[in-house]
Amino acid sequence: MIRITVNNETHEVASNTSLNQLVEHLQIESNGIAVAINDSIISQSLWSDTFLVPQDQVLIITATPGG
């Protein structure tokens, strides 16, 4: 297990967890969200190949319609 932070909340996940698996584990709809790790935005096409490491800071932002 490794410890990461998601939107300022500490989470423990398996050491081989991909970003895609994290989004699924958190039960977040993947359409309409942006994800950054350590202040770098990760393209959704790379989520399956991006693996989390200890102390990663993950930010998940949900787009809202309107404005």
N, C-alpha and C. Protein backbone atom coordinates (compact mmCIF):
# COMPACT_ATOMS: atom_id res chain seq x y z
N MET A 1 0.84 -1.18 0.00
CA MET A 1 0.00 0.00 0.00
C MET A 1 0.89 1.25 0.00
N ILE A 2 0.39 2.26 -0.69
CA ILE A 2 1.06 3.57 -0.69
C ILE A 2 0.06 4.63 -0.27
N ARG A 3 0.56 5.72 0.23
CA ARG A 3 -0.30 6.82 0.67
C ARG A 3 -0.19 7.96 -0.36
N ILE A 4 -1.35 8.41 -0.82
CA ILE A 4 -1.43 9.53 -1.75
C ILE A 4 -2.46 10.52 -1.22
N THR A 5 -2.51 11.67 -1.82
CA THR A 5 -3.52 12.66 -1.46
C THR A 5 -4.37 12.95 -2.68
N VAL A 6 -5.70 12.87 -2.51
CA VAL A 6 -6.64 13.17 -3.58
C VAL A 6 -7.53 14.31 -3.10
N ASN A 7 -7.46 15.44 -3.79
CA ASN A 7 -8.25 16.62 -3.41
C ASN A 7 -8.13 16.90 -1.91
N ASN A 8 -6.90 16.91 -1.42
CA ASN A 8 -6.56 17.23 -0.03
C ASN A 8 -7.03 16.20 0.99
N GLU A 9 -7.36 14.98 0.54
CA GLU A 9 -7.72 13.89 1.45
C GLU A 9 -6.74 12.74 1.25
N THR A 10 -6.24 12.21 2.34
CA THR A 10 -5.28 11.10 2.27
C THR A 10 -6.00 9.80 1.95
N HIS A 11 -5.41 9.04 1.02
CA HIS A 11 -5.93 7.73 0.63
C HIS A 11 -4.78 6.74 0.59
N GLU A 12 -5.08 5.47 0.88
CA GLU A 12 -4.11 4.41 0.71
C GLU A 12 -4.59 3.52 -0.43
N VAL A 13 -3.68 3.26 -1.38
CA VAL A 13 -3.99 2.43 -2.53
C VAL A 13 -2.87 1.43 -2.74
N ALA A 14 -3.13 0.40 -3.52
CA ALA A 14 -2.11 -0.59 -3.84
C ALA A 14 -0.96 0.08 -4.59
N SER A 15 0.24 -0.44 -4.44
CA SER A 15 1.41 0.20 -5.03
C SER A 15 1.43 0.18 -6.55
N ASN A 16 0.64 -0.65 -7.17
CA ASN A 16 0.61 -0.71 -8.64
C ASN A 16 -0.68 -0.12 -9.21
N THR A 17 -1.25 0.85 -8.53
CA THR A 17 -2.52 1.44 -8.95
C THR A 17 -2.30 2.48 -10.04
N SER A 18 -3.05 2.32 -11.13
CA SER A 18 -2.99 3.31 -12.21
C SER A 18 -3.98 4.43 -11.90
N LEU A 19 -3.81 5.51 -12.61
CA LEU A 19 -4.72 6.64 -12.44
C LEU A 19 -6.14 6.24 -12.82
N ASN A 20 -6.27 5.44 -13.86
CA ASN A 20 -7.58 4.95 -14.29
C ASN A 20 -8.23 4.11 -13.18
N GLN A 21 -7.46 3.26 -12.54
CA GLN A 21 -7.98 2.44 -11.45
C GLN A 21 -8.39 3.29 -10.26
N LEU A 22 -7.64 4.35 -10.00
CA LEU A 22 -8.00 5.25 -8.91
C LEU A 22 -9.35 5.91 -9.16
N VAL A 23 -9.56 6.42 -10.36
CA VAL A 23 -10.83 7.07 -10.70
C VAL A 23 -11.98 6.07 -10.54
N GLU A 24 -11.78 4.84 -11.01
CA GLU A 24 -12.81 3.81 -10.85
C GLU A 24 -13.05 3.50 -9.38
N HIS A 25 -11.98 3.36 -8.60
CA HIS A 25 -12.08 3.04 -7.18
C HIS A 25 -12.86 4.12 -6.42
N LEU A 26 -12.63 5.37 -6.80
CA LEU A 26 -13.33 6.48 -6.14
C LEU A 26 -14.75 6.66 -6.67
N GLN A 27 -15.13 5.84 -7.65
CA GLN A 27 -16.46 5.86 -8.25
C GLN A 27 -16.80 7.24 -8.81
N ILE A 28 -15.84 7.79 -9.56
CA ILE A 28 -16.02 9.08 -10.21
C ILE A 28 -16.24 8.84 -11.69
N GLU A 29 -17.27 9.44 -12.24
CA GLU A 29 -17.54 9.35 -13.68
C GLU A 29 -16.37 10.02 -14.41
N SER A 30 -15.76 9.29 -15.35
CA SER A 30 -14.56 9.80 -16.01
C SER A 30 -14.84 10.85 -17.08
N ASN A 31 -16.09 10.93 -17.54
CA ASN A 31 -16.43 11.97 -18.52
C ASN A 31 -16.56 13.31 -17.82
N GLY A 32 -15.94 14.33 -18.39
CA GLY A 32 -16.09 15.67 -17.85
C GLY A 32 -15.21 15.99 -16.66
N ILE A 33 -14.13 15.21 -16.46
CA ILE A 33 -13.22 15.53 -15.38
C ILE A 33 -11.82 15.76 -15.93
N ALA A 34 -11.04 16.49 -15.18
CA ALA A 34 -9.62 16.68 -15.47
C ALA A 34 -8.86 16.19 -14.25
N VAL A 35 -7.71 15.55 -14.50
CA VAL A 35 -6.91 15.01 -13.41
C VAL A 35 -5.48 15.50 -13.54
N ALA A 36 -4.94 15.95 -12.42
CA ALA A 36 -3.54 16.36 -12.38
C ALA A 36 -2.84 15.59 -11.26
N ILE A 37 -1.59 15.25 -11.51
CA ILE A 37 -0.75 14.65 -10.49
C ILE A 37 0.43 15.59 -10.29
N ASN A 38 0.60 16.03 -9.05
CA ASN A 38 1.71 16.92 -8.71
C ASN A 38 1.76 18.12 -9.66
N ASP A 39 0.60 18.72 -9.88
CA ASP A 39 0.44 19.93 -10.70
C ASP A 39 0.64 19.73 -12.20
N SER A 40 0.69 18.49 -12.67
CA SER A 40 0.79 18.22 -14.10
C SER A 40 -0.49 17.52 -14.56
N ILE A 41 -1.18 18.13 -15.52
CA ILE A 41 -2.41 17.53 -16.03
C ILE A 41 -2.06 16.28 -16.83
N ILE A 42 -2.82 15.22 -16.60
CA ILE A 42 -2.60 13.95 -17.28
C ILE A 42 -3.74 13.73 -18.26
N SER A 43 -3.41 13.57 -19.52
CA SER A 43 -4.41 13.32 -20.55
C SER A 43 -5.12 12.00 -20.25
N GLN A 44 -6.43 11.97 -20.47
CA GLN A 44 -7.21 10.76 -20.17
C GLN A 44 -6.69 9.55 -20.93
N SER A 45 -6.12 9.75 -22.10
CA SER A 45 -5.58 8.62 -22.87
C SER A 45 -4.37 7.99 -22.18
N LEU A 46 -3.78 8.66 -21.19
CA LEU A 46 -2.61 8.14 -20.48
C LEU A 46 -2.93 7.58 -19.10
N TRP A 47 -4.18 7.67 -18.68
CA TRP A 47 -4.54 7.25 -17.33
C TRP A 47 -4.17 5.80 -17.04
N SER A 48 -4.39 4.90 -18.01
CA SER A 48 -4.10 3.47 -17.77
C SER A 48 -2.61 3.20 -17.65
N ASP A 49 -1.79 4.08 -18.21
CA ASP A 49 -0.34 3.88 -18.20
C ASP A 49 0.37 4.75 -17.17
N THR A 50 -0.40 5.49 -16.38
CA THR A 50 0.17 6.37 -15.36
C THR A 50 -0.07 5.75 -14.00
N PHE A 51 1.02 5.37 -13.34
CA PHE A 51 0.91 4.69 -12.06
C PHE A 51 1.29 5.63 -10.92
N LEU A 52 0.55 5.51 -9.84
CA LEU A 52 0.74 6.37 -8.69
C LEU A 52 1.95 5.91 -7.87
N VAL A 53 2.63 6.89 -7.27
CA VAL A 53 3.76 6.60 -6.40
C VAL A 53 3.49 7.27 -5.05
N PRO A 54 4.19 6.82 -4.00
CA PRO A 54 3.95 7.39 -2.68
C PRO A 54 4.07 8.91 -2.69
N GLN A 55 3.18 9.53 -1.95
CA GLN A 55 3.13 10.98 -1.75
C GLN A 55 2.62 11.78 -2.95
N ASP A 56 2.13 11.10 -3.99
CA ASP A 56 1.54 11.83 -5.12
C ASP A 56 0.40 12.71 -4.63
N GLN A 57 0.29 13.89 -5.21
CA GLN A 57 -0.80 14.82 -4.94
C GLN A 57 -1.70 14.81 -6.17
N VAL A 58 -2.89 14.23 -6.03
CA VAL A 58 -3.82 14.10 -7.15
C VAL A 58 -4.93 15.13 -6.98
N LEU A 59 -5.22 15.84 -8.06
CA LEU A 59 -6.31 16.80 -8.06
C LEU A 59 -7.29 16.39 -9.13
N ILE A 60 -8.54 16.18 -8.76
CA ILE A 60 -9.59 15.81 -9.70
C ILE A 60 -10.61 16.94 -9.74
N ILE A 61 -10.80 17.48 -10.93
CA ILE A 61 -11.72 18.61 -11.12
C ILE A 61 -12.84 18.18 -12.05
N THR A 62 -14.08 18.43 -11.63
CA THR A 62 -15.24 18.10 -12.41
C THR A 62 -15.75 19.35 -13.13
N ALA A 63 -15.95 19.21 -14.44
CA ALA A 63 -16.49 20.33 -15.21
C ALA A 63 -17.97 20.49 -14.89
N THR A 64 -18.41 21.72 -14.78
CA THR A 64 -19.82 21.99 -14.53
C THR A 64 -20.36 22.81 -15.69
N PRO A 65 -21.51 22.42 -16.20
CA PRO A 65 -22.09 23.18 -17.32
C PRO A 65 -22.60 24.55 -16.86
N GLY A 66 -22.71 25.43 -17.80
CA GLY A 66 -23.20 26.77 -17.49
C GLY A 66 -22.05 27.71 -17.23
N GLY A 67 -22.32 28.75 -16.55
CA GLY A 67 -21.21 29.65 -16.28
C GLY A 67 -21.69 30.97 -15.94
